[in-house]
Amino acid sequence: MVEHSRPAQIQVAATSFLALFSIVGLALYGLPFYYDFMVREFGWTRTQVTSGNALSKLVVGPLFGFTAGWMIDRFGPRRLMLIGILMAGLALVGLSTVSTLGMFYLFYVLNALGYVCGGPLPNQVLLSRWFDKARGKAMGFAYLGIGVGGALVPLLSVWLIANFGWQGALRTLGVLIIVIAFPMAFFVKEAPEVEQERKQSAPPASISGALRSKSFYLLALGSMCSIAAVGGTNQHLKLFLSLDQKYSQDAAAGVVSLVLMFSLVGRVLMGWLADRIPKKYVMLLIYLLIAAAIPFLFYAARPGAIYLFAIIFGIGLGGEYLIIPLMAAELFGVKVLGRLMGIILTADGVAEALSPYFVGRLRDATDSYATGFIMLIGMAVLGAVAVALLPKRKIAL
């Protein structure tokens, strides 16, 4: 691997930090904080308000996920990042104006397009191209942006809502996404493959070889199950706390922020571990942490239990998103990482869409989150089983 200049690496890591801070931390994690306002104001059910996430992932993921991966491998991640940042910002501005479910779903789809084009996928490829030995550390730092944005957005939203109403708060978040992330992404340098490196390196792994590998499907299954557990929890956490447990807005925001603050610990810790021990074991630890955290929600009326949930779930959440591309790069190399992650993230999108939808349906049908939470625990455990069957080293393709 050719050594890239330190200043350029710092710029790349900072760009990914801000892109993930904005598109995932503010836009993705921020929207569920506004669901209860929409339920109260428009009379929508929990299933309806969380179906925006489901619909957008089911439409956008299968149609655009693999295409985005191919475009990143072919043209580089920068162009898609710029488009994605604009889409995510405009989507939040649009969501601040909706009063019908149709428009709500339309702008949610636009937000999902922004996530696909400017979120984890292009940043994973960008970081993997620039970093080799310290890839885990670099990915961990960049993914801190998700935790920082996610931890700040509930607290920022409380202040914005108090001063401008929930629609004004959403508009402000949309503008912030563009102002924060677009300039850095515009000037970021992509790491070109040097011809000398191409000649000296081994032939790149083919995507067909990866798709014939059992390990690819185990990785995809593990990722889908974990994302389903995380997505189902994240999408319903604020609804569960504020409407079922009668937490105040400030108290619910505090729990959500605590989760995302401890996700910062998880990103640093798991990135550090991933550079030192087999990534398979790091991935297994993350999935087991997620499975162990969710049962504490059954005791959410007890402050100690909800804080334990926030700490354990936050650490698992922090490592969950960054470990998947690290594991994929370790197993299959970086040459086709964009396309492989495009497939995995498409599958993840389907899981992340269906999980909150079914949790919402179960809540509406039973008047309780108990069955839904049990389902999420089972998904996390199944993901851990799939990961346990993965090899520790790069496989021959």
Protein backbone atom coordinates (compact mmCIF):
# COMPACT_ATOMS: atom_id res chain seq x y z
CA MET A 1 0.00 0.00 0.00
CA VAL A 2 1.38 3.40 -0.96
CA GLU A 3 1.86 5.73 2.00
CA HIS A 4 -0.23 8.87 1.67
CA SER A 5 0.72 12.20 3.19
CA ARG A 6 -0.28 12.81 6.78
CA PRO A 7 -2.03 16.16 6.09
CA ALA A 8 -4.10 14.55 3.34
CA GLN A 9 -5.08 11.70 5.65
CA ILE A 10 -6.13 14.17 8.33
CA GLN A 11 -8.27 16.04 5.79
CA VAL A 12 -9.91 12.80 4.66
CA ALA A 13 -10.66 11.68 8.23
CA ALA A 14 -12.06 15.12 9.12
CA THR A 15 -14.24 15.14 6.00
CA SER A 16 -15.69 11.73 6.82
CA PHE A 17 -16.22 12.80 10.44
CA LEU A 18 -18.29 15.82 9.37
CA ALA A 19 -20.19 13.93 6.67
CA LEU A 20 -21.19 11.19 9.11
CA PHE A 21 -21.89 13.78 11.82
CA SER A 22 -24.38 15.46 9.50
CA ILE A 23 -26.00 12.72 7.43
CA VAL A 24 -26.17 10.02 10.10
CA GLY A 25 -25.84 11.88 13.41
CA LEU A 26 -28.18 14.78 12.64
CA ALA A 27 -30.46 13.46 9.88
CA LEU A 28 -30.82 9.74 10.61
CA TYR A 29 -30.69 9.84 14.41
CA GLY A 30 -32.42 13.20 14.62
CA LEU A 31 -35.67 12.31 12.86
CA PRO A 32 -37.02 9.79 15.42
CA PHE A 33 -36.81 12.56 18.02
CA TYR A 34 -39.64 14.33 16.15
CA TYR A 35 -41.98 11.35 15.75
CA ASP A 36 -43.97 11.98 18.92
CA PHE A 37 -44.69 15.56 17.82
CA MET A 38 -46.10 14.22 14.53
CA VAL A 39 -48.16 11.57 16.34
CA ARG A 40 -49.69 14.26 18.56
CA GLU A 41 -50.21 16.91 15.87
CA PHE A 42 -51.38 14.80 12.92
CA GLY A 43 -52.93 11.82 14.73
CA TRP A 44 -50.67 9.33 12.95
CA THR A 45 -50.09 5.89 14.50
CA ARG A 46 -46.67 4.65 15.54
CA THR A 47 -46.71 2.22 12.62
CA GLN A 48 -47.43 5.07 10.20
CA VAL A 49 -44.79 7.42 11.56
CA THR A 50 -42.07 4.75 11.59
CA SER A 51 -43.11 3.46 8.16
CA GLY A 52 -41.35 6.43 6.56
CA ASN A 53 -38.09 4.77 7.52
CA ALA A 54 -39.34 1.38 6.33
CA LEU A 55 -40.65 2.64 3.00
CA SER A 56 -37.54 4.68 2.24
CA LYS A 57 -35.17 1.80 3.01
CA LEU A 58 -37.21 -0.70 1.00
CA VAL A 59 -37.42 1.63 -2.00
CA VAL A 60 -33.97 3.20 -1.93
CA GLY A 61 -31.83 0.29 -0.75
CA PRO A 62 -32.68 -2.34 -3.39
CA LEU A 63 -32.91 0.20 -6.22
CA PHE A 64 -29.84 2.32 -5.51
CA GLY A 65 -27.59 0.54 -2.98
CA PHE A 66 -25.62 -1.64 -5.39
CA THR A 67 -25.62 1.09 -8.06
CA ALA A 68 -24.08 3.51 -5.57
CA GLY A 69 -21.40 0.95 -4.71
CA TRP A 70 -20.58 0.47 -8.39
CA MET A 71 -20.43 4.23 -8.98
CA ILE A 72 -18.09 4.69 -6.01
CA ASP A 73 -15.73 1.97 -7.29
CA ARG A 74 -15.89 3.48 -10.78
CA PHE A 75 -15.87 7.25 -10.16
CA GLY A 76 -14.79 7.65 -6.55
CA PRO A 77 -16.79 8.58 -3.44
CA ARG A 78 -16.51 12.40 -3.52
CA ARG A 79 -19.21 13.15 -6.12
CA LEU A 80 -21.78 10.95 -4.44
CA MET A 81 -20.96 12.47 -1.06
CA LEU A 82 -21.73 15.97 -2.36
CA ILE A 83 -25.05 14.85 -3.83
CA GLY A 84 -25.95 12.95 -0.66
CA ILE A 85 -25.25 15.91 1.62
CA LEU A 86 -27.54 18.15 -0.42
CA MET A 87 -30.28 15.51 -0.48
CA ALA A 88 -30.20 14.94 3.28
CA GLY A 89 -30.29 18.66 4.07
CA LEU A 90 -33.13 19.38 1.67
CA ALA A 91 -35.06 16.35 2.97
CA LEU A 92 -35.14 17.72 6.52
CA VAL A 93 -36.22 21.13 5.25
CA GLY A 94 -38.99 19.40 3.29
CA LEU A 95 -40.07 17.30 6.27
CA SER A 96 -40.59 20.49 8.25
CA THR A 97 -43.39 21.47 5.83
CA VAL A 98 -45.38 18.21 5.64
CA SER A 99 -48.91 17.68 6.90
CA THR A 100 -49.82 14.51 4.98
CA LEU A 101 -48.36 11.02 5.11
CA GLY A 102 -47.69 11.05 1.37
CA MET A 103 -45.39 14.06 1.58
CA PHE A 104 -43.82 12.70 4.76
CA TYR A 105 -42.90 9.47 2.97
CA LEU A 106 -41.65 11.35 -0.12
CA PHE A 107 -39.17 13.45 1.83
CA TYR A 108 -38.17 10.44 3.91
CA VAL A 109 -37.20 8.69 0.66
CA LEU A 110 -35.12 11.74 -0.29
CA ASN A 111 -33.40 11.54 3.10
CA ALA A 112 -32.66 7.85 2.51
CA LEU A 113 -31.14 8.69 -0.88
CA GLY A 114 -28.92 11.19 0.89
CA TYR A 115 -27.87 8.50 3.34
CA VAL A 116 -26.98 6.04 0.56
CA CYS A 117 -25.04 8.60 -1.47
CA GLY A 118 -23.32 10.54 1.30
CA GLY A 119 -23.36 8.35 4.41
CA PRO A 120 -21.38 5.29 5.50
CA LEU A 121 -20.85 3.67 2.07
CA PRO A 122 -18.73 6.36 0.34
CA ASN A 123 -16.93 7.22 3.57
CA GLN A 124 -16.01 3.58 4.21
CA VAL A 125 -14.45 3.37 0.76
CA LEU A 126 -12.72 6.75 1.07
CA LEU A 127 -11.15 5.82 4.40
CA SER A 128 -10.17 2.33 3.24
CA ARG A 129 -8.33 3.81 0.25
CA TRP A 130 -6.35 6.28 2.35
CA PHE A 131 -5.57 4.13 5.40
CA ASP A 132 -4.01 0.69 5.66
CA LYS A 133 -2.39 -0.24 9.00
CA ALA A 134 -4.39 2.30 11.00
CA ARG A 135 -7.64 1.68 9.17
CA GLY A 136 -9.52 0.70 12.32
CA LYS A 137 -8.34 3.79 14.16
CA ALA A 138 -9.23 6.05 11.21
CA MET A 139 -12.66 4.46 10.83
CA GLY A 140 -13.22 4.77 14.56
CA PHE A 141 -12.36 8.48 14.51
CA ALA A 142 -14.56 9.22 11.49
CA TYR A 143 -17.46 7.30 13.00
CA LEU A 144 -17.17 9.43 16.11
CA GLY A 145 -19.02 11.95 13.96
CA ILE A 146 -22.13 9.78 14.15
CA GLY A 147 -21.96 9.61 17.92
CA VAL A 148 -21.20 13.31 18.36
CA GLY A 149 -24.01 14.32 16.02
CA GLY A 150 -26.40 11.81 17.52
CA ALA A 151 -25.57 12.89 21.07
CA LEU A 152 -25.98 16.58 20.26
CA VAL A 153 -29.14 16.39 18.16
CA PRO A 154 -31.60 15.61 21.01
CA LEU A 155 -30.19 18.41 23.16
CA LEU A 156 -30.02 20.81 20.24
CA SER A 157 -33.54 19.84 19.19
CA VAL A 158 -34.95 20.53 22.66
CA TRP A 159 -33.56 24.08 22.48
CA LEU A 160 -34.61 24.64 18.86
CA ILE A 161 -38.13 23.31 19.47
CA ALA A 162 -38.56 25.52 22.53
CA ASN A 163 -37.59 28.58 20.49
CA PHE A 164 -38.84 27.84 16.95
CA GLY A 165 -41.27 24.91 17.20
CA TRP A 166 -40.58 21.43 15.87
CA GLN A 167 -40.95 22.46 12.20
CA GLY A 168 -38.49 25.32 12.64
CA ALA A 169 -36.10 22.95 14.40
CA LEU A 170 -36.18 20.50 11.47
CA ARG A 171 -35.52 23.31 8.99
CA THR A 172 -32.54 24.46 11.01
CA LEU A 173 -31.08 20.95 11.12
CA GLY A 174 -31.45 20.66 7.35
CA VAL A 175 -29.53 23.87 6.75
CA LEU A 176 -26.85 22.86 9.26
CA ILE A 177 -26.22 19.59 7.41
CA ILE A 178 -25.37 21.41 4.19
CA VAL A 179 -23.36 24.19 5.83
CA ILE A 180 -21.26 21.79 7.92
CA ALA A 181 -20.53 18.94 5.53
CA PHE A 182 -20.65 20.28 1.96
CA PRO A 183 -17.53 22.53 1.99
CA MET A 184 -15.22 19.81 3.36
CA ALA A 185 -16.53 17.18 0.94
CA PHE A 186 -16.12 19.61 -1.95
CA PHE A 187 -12.38 19.98 -1.32
CA VAL A 188 -11.52 16.43 -0.22
CA LYS A 189 -8.95 14.58 -2.30
CA GLU A 190 -9.65 11.04 -3.38
CA ALA A 191 -6.72 8.60 -3.20
CA PRO A 192 -5.97 7.51 -6.78
CA GLU A 193 -4.54 4.07 -7.38
CA VAL A 194 -0.93 4.55 -8.44
CA GLU A 195 0.09 2.56 -11.51
CA GLN A 196 3.24 1.26 -9.83
CA GLU A 197 1.16 -0.01 -6.92
CA ARG A 198 -1.19 -1.76 -9.31
CA LYS A 199 1.67 -3.60 -10.98
CA GLN A 200 3.29 -4.67 -7.71
CA SER A 201 0.11 -5.70 -5.93
CA ALA A 202 -1.67 -9.01 -6.26
CA PRO A 203 -4.56 -9.26 -8.71
CA PRO A 204 -7.69 -7.75 -7.18
CA ALA A 205 -10.32 -10.08 -5.86
CA SER A 206 -13.29 -10.43 -8.16
CA ILE A 207 -16.74 -9.69 -6.89
CA SER A 208 -17.94 -12.98 -8.35
CA GLY A 209 -15.45 -14.82 -6.14
CA ALA A 210 -16.74 -13.01 -3.08
CA LEU A 211 -20.34 -13.75 -4.01
CA ARG A 212 -19.52 -17.47 -4.24
CA SER A 213 -18.05 -17.43 -0.76
CA LYS A 214 -20.06 -18.68 2.22
CA SER A 215 -18.30 -16.05 4.32
CA PHE A 216 -19.91 -13.23 2.36
CA TYR A 217 -23.40 -14.49 3.17
CA LEU A 218 -22.54 -15.08 6.82
CA LEU A 219 -21.21 -11.52 7.01
CA ALA A 220 -24.32 -10.16 5.30
CA LEU A 221 -26.63 -12.18 7.57
CA GLY A 222 -24.81 -11.08 10.71
CA SER A 223 -24.89 -7.47 9.57
CA MET A 224 -28.61 -7.61 8.70
CA CYS A 225 -29.55 -9.10 12.06
CA SER A 226 -27.51 -6.60 14.04
CA ILE A 227 -28.80 -3.66 12.02
CA ALA A 228 -32.35 -4.93 12.55
CA ALA A 229 -31.82 -4.98 16.32
CA VAL A 230 -30.20 -1.54 16.35
CA GLY A 231 -32.67 0.04 13.93
CA GLY A 232 -35.73 -1.31 15.70
CA THR A 233 -34.44 0.02 19.01
CA ASN A 234 -33.37 3.43 17.74
CA GLN A 235 -36.56 4.13 15.81
CA HIS A 236 -38.80 3.38 18.79
CA LEU A 237 -36.70 4.49 21.76
CA LYS A 238 -38.02 8.06 21.97
CA LEU A 239 -41.60 6.88 21.33
CA PHE A 240 -41.26 4.24 24.04
CA LEU A 241 -39.80 6.63 26.60
CA SER A 242 -42.01 9.67 25.99
CA LEU A 243 -45.37 8.02 25.23
CA ASP A 244 -45.26 4.68 27.06
CA GLN A 245 -43.00 5.48 30.00
CA LYS A 246 -44.18 9.13 30.27
CA TYR A 247 -40.67 10.56 30.28
CA SER A 248 -40.49 14.32 29.85
CA GLN A 249 -38.92 15.69 26.67
CA ASP A 250 -35.78 16.60 28.60
CA ALA A 251 -35.55 13.19 30.28
CA ALA A 252 -36.07 11.28 27.01
CA ALA A 253 -33.52 13.50 25.29
CA GLY A 254 -31.09 12.77 28.10
CA VAL A 255 -31.38 9.00 27.61
CA VAL A 256 -30.99 9.25 23.83
CA SER A 257 -27.99 11.53 24.25
CA LEU A 258 -26.43 9.17 26.79
CA VAL A 259 -26.74 6.30 24.30
CA LEU A 260 -25.00 8.31 21.64
CA MET A 261 -22.36 9.69 23.99
CA PHE A 262 -21.37 6.15 24.92
CA SER A 263 -21.38 5.27 21.24
CA LEU A 264 -18.33 7.56 21.09
CA VAL A 265 -16.61 5.26 23.56
CA GLY A 266 -17.67 2.28 21.46
CA ARG A 267 -16.28 3.75 18.24
CA VAL A 268 -12.88 4.52 19.75
CA LEU A 269 -12.66 1.26 21.71
CA MET A 270 -13.80 -1.03 18.89
CA GLY A 271 -11.65 0.76 16.31
CA TRP A 272 -8.65 0.34 18.62
CA LEU A 273 -9.42 -3.34 19.21
CA ALA A 274 -9.94 -3.96 15.48
CA ASP A 275 -6.31 -2.97 14.80
CA ARG A 276 -5.05 -5.40 17.46
CA ILE A 277 -7.14 -8.58 17.52
CA PRO A 278 -9.06 -10.50 14.83
CA LYS A 279 -11.97 -8.36 13.71
CA LYS A 280 -14.26 -11.37 13.96
CA TYR A 281 -13.96 -11.30 17.75
CA VAL A 282 -14.56 -7.55 17.88
CA MET A 283 -17.68 -7.99 15.76
CA LEU A 284 -18.90 -10.82 18.00
CA LEU A 285 -18.40 -8.68 21.11
CA ILE A 286 -20.39 -5.82 19.57
CA TYR A 287 -23.36 -7.99 18.66
CA LEU A 288 -23.46 -9.59 22.11
CA LEU A 289 -23.40 -6.16 23.76
CA ILE A 290 -26.45 -5.14 21.72
CA ALA A 291 -28.27 -8.34 22.69
CA ALA A 292 -27.39 -7.81 26.36
CA ALA A 293 -28.56 -4.19 26.45
CA ILE A 294 -32.12 -4.45 25.12
CA PRO A 295 -33.53 -6.47 28.09
CA PHE A 296 -32.91 -3.46 30.35
CA LEU A 297 -35.73 -1.67 28.50
CA PHE A 298 -38.19 -3.93 30.31
CA TYR A 299 -37.17 -2.07 33.47
CA ALA A 300 -37.15 1.44 31.98
CA ALA A 301 -39.16 2.80 34.92
CA ARG A 302 -36.07 2.31 37.06
CA PRO A 303 -33.42 4.99 36.41
CA GLY A 304 -30.55 2.59 37.05
CA ALA A 305 -31.82 0.15 34.42
CA ILE A 306 -32.31 2.75 31.70
CA TYR A 307 -28.82 4.12 32.32
CA LEU A 308 -27.32 0.63 32.08
CA PHE A 309 -29.19 0.17 28.81
CA ALA A 310 -27.85 3.47 27.49
CA ILE A 311 -24.25 2.63 28.39
CA ILE A 312 -24.16 -0.95 27.07
CA PHE A 313 -26.27 -0.28 23.99
CA GLY A 314 -24.31 2.87 23.23
CA ILE A 315 -20.96 1.04 23.27
CA GLY A 316 -22.36 -1.68 21.00
CA LEU A 317 -23.98 0.86 18.72
CA GLY A 318 -20.71 2.76 18.40
CA GLY A 319 -18.83 -0.24 17.09
CA GLU A 320 -21.64 -1.75 15.04
CA TYR A 321 -21.47 0.42 11.93
CA LEU A 322 -17.69 0.68 11.67
CA ILE A 323 -16.86 -3.02 12.13
CA ILE A 324 -18.79 -4.22 9.06
CA PRO A 325 -16.60 -2.51 6.40
CA LEU A 326 -13.47 -3.39 8.38
CA MET A 327 -14.46 -7.05 8.40
CA ALA A 328 -15.39 -6.96 4.71
CA ALA A 329 -12.05 -5.35 3.80
CA GLU A 330 -10.17 -7.93 5.87
CA LEU A 331 -11.97 -10.85 4.23
CA PHE A 332 -12.17 -9.64 0.62
CA GLY A 333 -9.76 -6.69 0.20
CA VAL A 334 -10.52 -3.07 -0.71
CA LYS A 335 -10.60 -3.27 -4.52
CA VAL A 336 -14.26 -4.24 -4.68
CA LEU A 337 -15.24 -2.92 -1.26
CA GLY A 338 -17.67 -0.37 -2.71
CA ARG A 339 -19.68 -2.99 -4.57
CA LEU A 340 -19.65 -5.51 -1.75
CA MET A 341 -20.65 -2.93 0.83
CA GLY A 342 -23.31 -1.70 -1.60
CA ILE A 343 -24.86 -5.17 -1.49
CA ILE A 344 -24.49 -5.52 2.28
CA LEU A 345 -25.87 -2.05 2.99
CA THR A 346 -28.79 -2.75 0.65
CA ALA A 347 -29.58 -5.87 2.66
CA ASP A 348 -29.08 -3.89 5.86
CA GLY A 349 -31.51 -1.28 4.60
CA VAL A 350 -34.21 -3.90 4.13
CA ALA A 351 -33.59 -5.23 7.65
CA GLU A 352 -33.51 -1.73 9.11
CA ALA A 353 -36.80 -0.97 7.36
CA LEU A 354 -38.71 -4.08 8.34
CA SER A 355 -37.56 -4.27 11.95
CA PRO A 356 -39.02 -0.94 13.17
CA TYR A 357 -42.14 -1.59 11.10
CA PHE A 358 -42.83 -4.93 12.79
CA VAL A 359 -41.97 -3.53 16.22
CA GLY A 360 -44.51 -0.76 15.57
CA ARG A 361 -47.15 -3.22 14.38
CA LEU A 362 -46.60 -5.40 17.44
CA ARG A 363 -46.86 -2.35 19.71
CA ASP A 364 -50.09 -1.19 18.06
CA ALA A 365 -51.57 -4.71 18.19
CA THR A 366 -50.61 -5.64 21.75
CA ASP A 367 -50.40 -2.20 23.39
CA SER A 368 -46.92 -3.19 24.60
CA TYR A 369 -43.35 -3.20 23.32
CA ALA A 370 -42.51 -6.50 25.09
CA THR A 371 -42.91 -8.81 22.08
CA GLY A 372 -41.06 -6.41 19.82
CA PHE A 373 -38.13 -6.12 22.22
CA ILE A 374 -37.88 -9.92 22.48
CA MET A 375 -37.77 -10.08 18.68
CA LEU A 376 -34.91 -7.55 18.63
CA ILE A 377 -32.92 -9.53 21.20
CA GLY A 378 -33.34 -12.65 19.07
CA MET A 379 -32.10 -10.84 15.97
CA ALA A 380 -28.94 -9.66 17.75
CA VAL A 381 -28.21 -13.19 19.01
CA LEU A 382 -28.74 -14.66 15.52
CA GLY A 383 -26.29 -12.08 14.14
CA ALA A 384 -23.72 -13.14 16.73
CA VAL A 385 -24.11 -16.79 15.69
CA ALA A 386 -23.48 -15.89 12.04
CA VAL A 387 -20.36 -13.92 12.97
CA ALA A 388 -19.05 -16.80 15.09
CA LEU A 389 -18.96 -18.94 11.93
CA LEU A 390 -16.79 -16.46 9.99
CA PRO A 391 -13.08 -17.15 9.38
CA LYS A 392 -10.51 -14.92 11.07
CA ARG A 393 -8.36 -14.24 7.99
CA LYS A 394 -8.71 -13.20 4.37
CA ILE A 395 -10.17 -15.96 2.28
CA ALA A 396 -8.92 -17.14 -1.11
CA LEU A 397 -11.19 -16.00 -3.94
